[in-house]
Amino acid sequence: MADRRWVAAEFGGPEVLKQVDVEVPAPGPGEVTIQVRAVGMNPADFKRFAAGDDRSLLPMPVGYEVAGVIRAIGPDTEIGSGGGAVGDEVLAFPISGGYATAVTVPADKVFAMPSSLDFPAAANLLLAGATAADMLHVTNVAAGETILVHGASGAVGVSVLQQAKLLGARAVGTASEKNFDTVRRFGGVPVAYGDGLLDRVREAAPERIAAALDTVGTDEAVDVSLALVPRERIVTIAARARASADGFRAIGGADPDSAAFRDQVRPRLIRLAADGDLVVPVARTFPFHEAPAALELLRSGHPGGKLALIP
């Protein structure tokens, strides 16, 4: 059976996705072909093709991370974690065109998969985990500090909570009340967003907030952060315009410094997951042919955890 992948045939919403047959190239030196068992899903997937005017980019491959087994490995090639043989279980990030039944990718993006993870969790570990680590890194979060995490029950927020706890920091996390148990499960103190948020955060953290990490990008999140924390200790992944206007930091995977940091932090995140110290909560899996429906749920902003496509 031919291999398949999803591409964005136009700019727009999930409805522009089209499933196509592909010939997956054999791996050359420094490359690995992965038979995909699960595709990690992230908001960055649909944001990439949501809008644009450069039609030369179409049809656009979709997806940045996968987990699966090595189907073929190039000559004289080792994967990023060392070694590598046909049949080994692996995860890969960052790659291009992950919404596929098989992919040939640079071997240095491929790592042995911890036996403690299943394929859907492994496929969703690194983008959210590396983003969270980057946020903690640029705000210099240290043991004994209390931080504010906007969107603490989302994928990046949950990873921030876990990694902050490992650093010895206390986290206050904004969420809707229905997600308070998620925030508590991963070590945070939940507060409801909405009118009166500033007072609720101050009540939850009388010792004061040292840094603010924003994963949602609302004006409320930014305004509360600015009221509590010096600008040099505020970071956002979702409010780049406000960051530019108000003089605090916005980061993204395309930024050179962030890309370099996220590459070097991957082995540590995999070790944490292997040891059970970094959990990836997967809310739901979808059959491969239901990618548009899965992306629609992801785009709603309320998936309840990570989503994965299963070829």
Protein backbone atom coordinates (compact mmCIF):
# COMPACT_ATOMS: atom_id res chain seq x y z
CA MET A 1 0.00 0.00 0.00
CA ALA A 2 1.25 3.47 -0.86
CA ASP A 3 2.32 5.81 1.89
CA ARG A 4 0.09 8.81 2.50
CA ARG A 5 0.35 12.25 3.96
CA TRP A 6 -1.83 15.26 4.61
CA VAL A 7 -1.00 18.58 2.95
CA ALA A 8 -2.65 21.99 2.99
CA ALA A 9 -3.80 22.50 -0.59
CA GLU A 10 -4.77 26.12 0.14
CA PHE A 11 -4.47 28.64 2.96
CA GLY A 12 -7.34 28.44 5.42
CA GLY A 13 -8.84 26.15 8.04
CA PRO A 14 -8.78 22.36 8.46
CA GLU A 15 -11.06 22.04 5.43
CA VAL A 16 -8.12 22.83 3.10
CA LEU A 17 -6.30 19.63 4.10
CA LYS A 18 -5.99 17.00 1.42
CA GLN A 19 -4.72 13.43 1.78
CA VAL A 20 -2.30 12.41 -0.98
CA ASP A 21 -0.27 9.34 -1.90
CA VAL A 22 3.49 9.85 -1.64
CA GLU A 23 6.66 8.01 -2.50
CA VAL A 24 8.79 8.21 0.63
CA PRO A 25 12.44 8.50 -0.42
CA ALA A 26 14.93 5.94 0.85
CA PRO A 27 17.22 7.40 3.51
CA GLY A 28 20.65 8.61 2.48
CA PRO A 29 23.63 9.15 4.78
CA GLY A 30 22.47 11.00 7.89
CA GLU A 31 18.81 10.13 7.33
CA VAL A 32 16.24 7.75 8.79
CA THR A 33 12.86 6.55 7.49
CA ILE A 34 10.25 6.20 10.23
CA GLN A 35 7.09 4.12 9.94
CA VAL A 36 4.79 6.46 11.84
CA ARG A 37 2.71 5.00 14.67
CA ALA A 38 1.44 8.32 16.05
CA VAL A 39 1.47 11.94 14.89
CA GLY A 40 1.74 14.66 17.54
CA MET A 41 -0.69 17.55 17.08
CA ASN A 42 -0.01 21.18 18.02
CA PRO A 43 -1.58 24.60 17.39
CA ALA A 44 1.50 25.45 15.31
CA ASP A 45 0.28 22.87 12.77
CA PHE A 46 -2.79 24.83 11.68
CA LYS A 47 -1.28 28.26 12.31
CA ARG A 48 1.28 27.51 9.59
CA PHE A 49 -1.31 27.26 6.83
CA ALA A 50 -4.06 29.47 8.29
CA ALA A 51 -3.14 32.49 6.19
CA GLY A 52 -0.63 33.46 3.55
CA ASP A 53 -0.15 34.84 0.07
CA ASP A 54 2.92 32.93 -1.15
CA ARG A 55 1.28 30.21 -3.20
CA SER A 56 4.68 28.72 -4.02
CA LEU A 57 4.51 27.17 -0.53
CA LEU A 58 1.46 25.11 -1.54
CA PRO A 59 0.76 22.27 -1.20
CA MET A 60 2.20 22.67 2.30
CA PRO A 61 3.30 19.72 4.46
CA VAL A 62 1.88 19.70 8.00
CA GLY A 63 3.19 18.45 11.35
CA TYR A 64 6.36 18.78 13.40
CA GLU A 65 6.64 15.64 15.55
CA VAL A 66 5.99 11.90 15.29
CA ALA A 67 6.70 8.60 17.00
CA GLY A 68 7.11 5.25 15.31
CA VAL A 69 9.63 2.58 14.35
CA ILE A 70 12.68 2.81 12.15
CA ARG A 71 11.84 1.37 8.73
CA ALA A 72 15.22 2.08 7.14
CA ILE A 73 18.41 3.86 8.15
CA GLY A 74 20.97 5.47 5.87
CA PRO A 75 24.52 4.17 5.49
CA ASP A 76 26.98 5.04 8.25
CA THR A 77 24.18 6.77 10.17
CA GLU A 78 23.34 7.06 13.87
CA ILE A 79 20.23 8.67 15.31
CA GLY A 80 20.40 11.67 17.63
CA SER A 81 20.55 9.53 20.77
CA GLY A 82 23.17 7.19 19.28
CA GLY A 83 22.90 3.84 17.50
CA GLY A 84 19.67 3.03 15.75
CA ALA A 85 18.48 -0.07 13.87
CA VAL A 86 15.49 -1.14 11.83
CA GLY A 87 12.58 -1.89 14.17
CA ASP A 88 13.69 0.45 16.96
CA GLU A 89 10.96 2.59 18.52
CA VAL A 90 11.77 6.29 18.13
CA LEU A 91 10.38 9.80 18.31
CA ALA A 92 11.36 12.70 16.05
CA PHE A 93 11.24 16.49 16.43
CA PRO A 94 11.43 18.98 14.79
CA ILE A 95 10.58 17.63 11.37
CA SER A 96 8.49 18.75 8.40
CA GLY A 97 5.46 16.88 7.10
CA GLY A 98 4.74 14.71 10.12
CA TYR A 99 1.10 14.09 9.18
CA ALA A 100 2.18 11.02 7.24
CA THR A 101 2.25 7.24 7.39
CA ALA A 102 6.03 7.32 6.91
CA VAL A 103 8.69 10.05 6.77
CA THR A 104 12.36 10.25 5.87
CA VAL A 105 14.00 12.77 8.20
CA PRO A 106 17.45 13.92 9.38
CA ALA A 107 18.82 11.34 11.79
CA ASP A 108 19.86 13.97 14.32
CA LYS A 109 16.17 14.77 14.88
CA VAL A 110 15.44 11.15 15.88
CA PHE A 111 15.72 9.73 19.42
CA ALA A 112 15.17 6.39 21.08
CA MET A 113 11.68 6.28 22.57
CA PRO A 114 11.44 5.59 26.32
CA SER A 115 9.71 2.29 27.02
CA SER A 116 7.58 4.06 29.65
CA LEU A 117 5.77 6.05 26.91
CA ASP A 118 3.25 4.86 24.38
CA PHE A 119 3.35 6.18 20.82
CA PRO A 120 0.71 8.96 21.23
CA ALA A 121 2.45 10.38 24.32
CA ALA A 122 5.91 10.12 22.74
CA ALA A 123 4.69 11.88 19.61
CA ASN A 124 3.51 14.79 21.75
CA LEU A 125 6.44 15.16 24.13
CA LEU A 126 8.96 17.44 22.53
CA LEU A 127 7.27 20.46 20.96
CA ALA A 128 5.29 21.37 24.08
CA GLY A 129 8.09 20.25 26.40
CA ALA A 130 10.80 22.22 24.63
CA THR A 131 8.58 25.31 24.45
CA ALA A 132 7.93 25.09 28.20
CA ALA A 133 11.63 24.62 28.95
CA ASP A 134 12.47 27.62 26.77
CA MET A 135 9.97 29.81 28.66
CA LEU A 136 11.47 28.83 32.01
CA HIS A 137 14.98 29.36 30.63
CA VAL A 138 14.49 32.89 29.28
CA THR A 139 12.77 34.04 32.49
CA ASN A 140 15.53 32.51 34.66
CA VAL A 141 13.11 30.71 36.96
CA ALA A 142 14.91 29.42 40.05
CA ALA A 143 14.22 27.33 43.14
CA GLY A 144 12.15 29.07 45.80
CA GLU A 145 10.43 31.46 43.37
CA THR A 146 6.72 31.67 42.60
CA ILE A 147 5.71 32.05 38.97
CA LEU A 148 2.45 32.82 37.18
CA VAL A 149 1.49 30.54 34.28
CA HIS A 150 -1.29 31.79 32.02
CA GLY A 151 -3.10 28.83 30.41
CA ALA A 152 -1.77 26.32 32.92
CA SER A 153 -4.08 23.48 31.87
CA GLY A 154 -3.02 23.55 28.19
CA ALA A 155 -0.29 21.36 26.74
CA VAL A 156 2.56 23.86 27.20
CA GLY A 157 1.18 25.01 30.55
CA VAL A 158 1.07 21.47 31.93
CA SER A 159 4.69 20.95 30.90
CA VAL A 160 5.67 24.29 32.48
CA LEU A 161 4.04 23.23 35.76
CA GLN A 162 5.95 19.95 35.86
CA GLN A 163 9.29 21.43 34.88
CA ALA A 164 8.89 24.34 37.32
CA LYS A 165 8.23 21.88 40.13
CA LEU A 166 11.42 20.00 39.23
CA LEU A 167 13.31 23.32 39.47
CA GLY A 168 11.90 23.86 42.96
CA ALA A 169 9.61 26.73 41.94
CA ARG A 170 5.97 27.22 42.96
CA ALA A 171 3.44 27.90 40.20
CA VAL A 172 0.13 29.73 40.23
CA GLY A 173 -1.78 28.82 37.07
CA THR A 174 -4.75 30.42 35.35
CA ALA A 175 -7.42 28.09 34.00
CA SER A 176 -11.17 27.65 33.76
CA GLU A 177 -12.68 26.10 36.88
CA LYS A 178 -13.42 22.85 35.05
CA ASN A 179 -9.65 22.44 34.55
CA PHE A 180 -8.59 23.18 38.14
CA ASP A 181 -7.98 19.49 38.86
CA THR A 182 -5.53 19.34 35.94
CA VAL A 183 -3.58 22.30 37.33
CA ARG A 184 -3.49 20.72 40.79
CA ARG A 185 -2.52 17.31 39.40
CA PHE A 186 0.65 18.76 37.93
CA GLY A 187 1.65 20.80 40.97
CA GLY A 188 0.08 24.20 40.34
CA VAL A 189 -2.24 26.41 42.40
CA PRO A 190 -5.24 27.16 40.15
CA VAL A 191 -6.89 30.57 39.79
CA ALA A 192 -9.80 31.34 37.48
CA TYR A 193 -9.18 33.79 34.67
CA GLY A 194 -11.68 36.60 34.10
CA ASP A 195 -12.64 39.76 35.96
CA GLY A 196 -10.69 40.15 39.19
CA LEU A 197 -7.78 37.96 38.10
CA LEU A 198 -5.12 40.33 39.43
CA ASP A 199 -6.58 40.26 42.95
CA ARG A 200 -6.96 36.47 42.86
CA VAL A 201 -3.33 36.01 41.86
CA ARG A 202 -2.16 38.33 44.62
CA GLU A 203 -4.23 36.36 47.11
CA ALA A 204 -2.80 33.06 45.88
CA ALA A 205 0.78 34.39 45.98
CA PRO A 206 1.23 36.83 48.88
CA GLU A 207 4.97 36.15 48.59
CA ARG A 208 4.81 37.92 45.17
CA ILE A 209 5.21 36.64 41.63
CA ALA A 210 8.78 36.45 40.31
CA ALA A 211 8.07 35.69 36.63
CA ALA A 212 5.06 35.43 34.32
CA LEU A 213 4.82 32.87 31.50
CA ASP A 214 1.98 33.43 29.04
CA THR A 215 0.72 30.65 26.77
CA VAL A 216 -2.65 32.20 25.86
CA GLY A 217 -1.92 35.70 24.54
CA THR A 218 -5.00 37.53 25.87
CA ASP A 219 -4.86 41.19 26.87
CA GLU A 220 -5.96 40.11 30.34
CA ALA A 221 -2.96 37.80 30.68
CA VAL A 222 -0.56 40.47 29.48
CA ASP A 223 -2.05 43.25 31.63
CA VAL A 224 -1.95 41.15 34.80
CA SER A 225 1.62 40.09 34.06
CA LEU A 226 2.71 43.71 33.59
CA ALA A 227 1.03 44.69 36.87
CA LEU A 228 2.92 42.03 38.82
CA VAL A 229 6.29 41.39 37.23
CA PRO A 230 9.21 43.39 35.75
CA ARG A 231 9.15 43.25 31.95
CA GLU A 232 12.44 41.38 31.76
CA ARG A 233 10.80 38.41 33.52
CA ILE A 234 7.70 38.17 31.34
CA VAL A 235 7.58 35.88 28.32
CA THR A 236 4.82 35.00 25.87
CA ILE A 237 4.41 32.49 23.07
CA ALA A 238 1.09 33.96 21.93
CA ALA A 239 1.10 37.77 22.20
CA ARG A 240 3.95 38.89 19.97
CA ALA A 241 2.33 42.23 19.11
CA ARG A 242 1.84 43.11 22.77
CA ALA A 243 5.38 42.01 23.56
CA SER A 244 6.74 44.37 20.92
CA ALA A 245 4.53 47.25 22.07
CA ASP A 246 5.10 46.76 25.81
CA GLY A 247 8.75 45.75 25.86
CA PHE A 248 8.73 42.16 27.08
CA ARG A 249 9.90 38.96 25.44
CA ALA A 250 8.10 36.80 22.88
CA ILE A 251 9.65 33.52 21.78
CA GLY A 252 8.94 30.95 19.09
CA GLY A 253 10.50 27.92 17.51
CA ALA A 254 11.55 29.93 14.46
CA ASP A 255 13.67 32.32 16.56
CA PRO A 256 17.34 31.31 16.26
CA ASP A 257 18.07 31.42 20.00
CA SER A 258 14.93 29.44 20.81
CA ALA A 259 15.62 26.89 18.09
CA ALA A 260 19.14 26.31 19.41
CA PHE A 261 17.97 25.96 23.01
CA ARG A 262 15.08 23.65 22.10
CA ASP A 263 17.42 21.40 20.12
CA GLN A 264 19.85 21.00 23.00
CA VAL A 265 17.13 20.42 25.63
CA ARG A 266 15.54 17.43 23.83
CA PRO A 267 17.66 14.67 25.47
CA ARG A 268 16.90 16.04 28.96
CA LEU A 269 13.16 16.09 28.29
CA ILE A 270 13.27 12.50 27.04
CA ARG A 271 15.13 11.44 30.19
CA LEU A 272 12.56 13.18 32.39
CA ALA A 273 9.75 11.39 30.55
CA ALA A 274 11.55 8.06 30.83
CA ASP A 275 11.86 8.54 34.60
CA GLY A 276 8.20 9.47 34.97
CA ASP A 277 8.98 13.07 35.91
CA LEU A 278 7.40 14.58 32.77
CA VAL A 279 3.94 13.29 31.87
CA VAL A 280 2.19 13.92 28.55
CA PRO A 281 -1.60 13.81 29.09
CA VAL A 282 -3.22 12.57 25.88
CA ALA A 283 -6.93 13.36 25.71
CA ARG A 284 -7.85 11.59 22.50
CA THR A 285 -6.51 9.82 19.44
CA PHE A 286 -7.99 9.97 15.94
CA PRO A 287 -7.67 7.64 12.96
CA PHE A 288 -5.31 9.07 10.36
CA HIS A 289 -8.14 9.83 7.91
CA GLU A 290 -9.83 12.09 10.47
CA ALA A 291 -7.04 14.71 10.55
CA PRO A 292 -9.35 17.64 9.62
CA ALA A 293 -11.77 16.78 12.45
CA ALA A 294 -8.88 16.43 14.91
CA LEU A 295 -7.48 19.80 13.87
CA GLU A 296 -10.93 21.36 14.27
CA LEU A 297 -11.04 20.13 17.86
CA LEU A 298 -7.50 21.38 18.46
CA ARG A 299 -8.37 24.77 16.97
CA SER A 300 -11.36 25.08 19.32
CA GLY A 301 -8.89 25.62 22.15
CA HIS A 302 -10.56 23.00 24.37
CA PRO A 303 -9.14 19.59 23.47
CA GLY A 304 -8.70 18.64 27.14
CA GLY A 305 -5.14 17.41 26.57
CA LYS A 306 -2.93 16.37 23.69
CA LEU A 307 -4.31 14.84 20.50
CA ALA A 308 -2.67 12.31 18.20
CA LEU A 309 -3.35 10.87 14.75
CA ILE A 310 -2.90 7.12 14.42
CA PRO A 311 -1.98 5.88 10.91
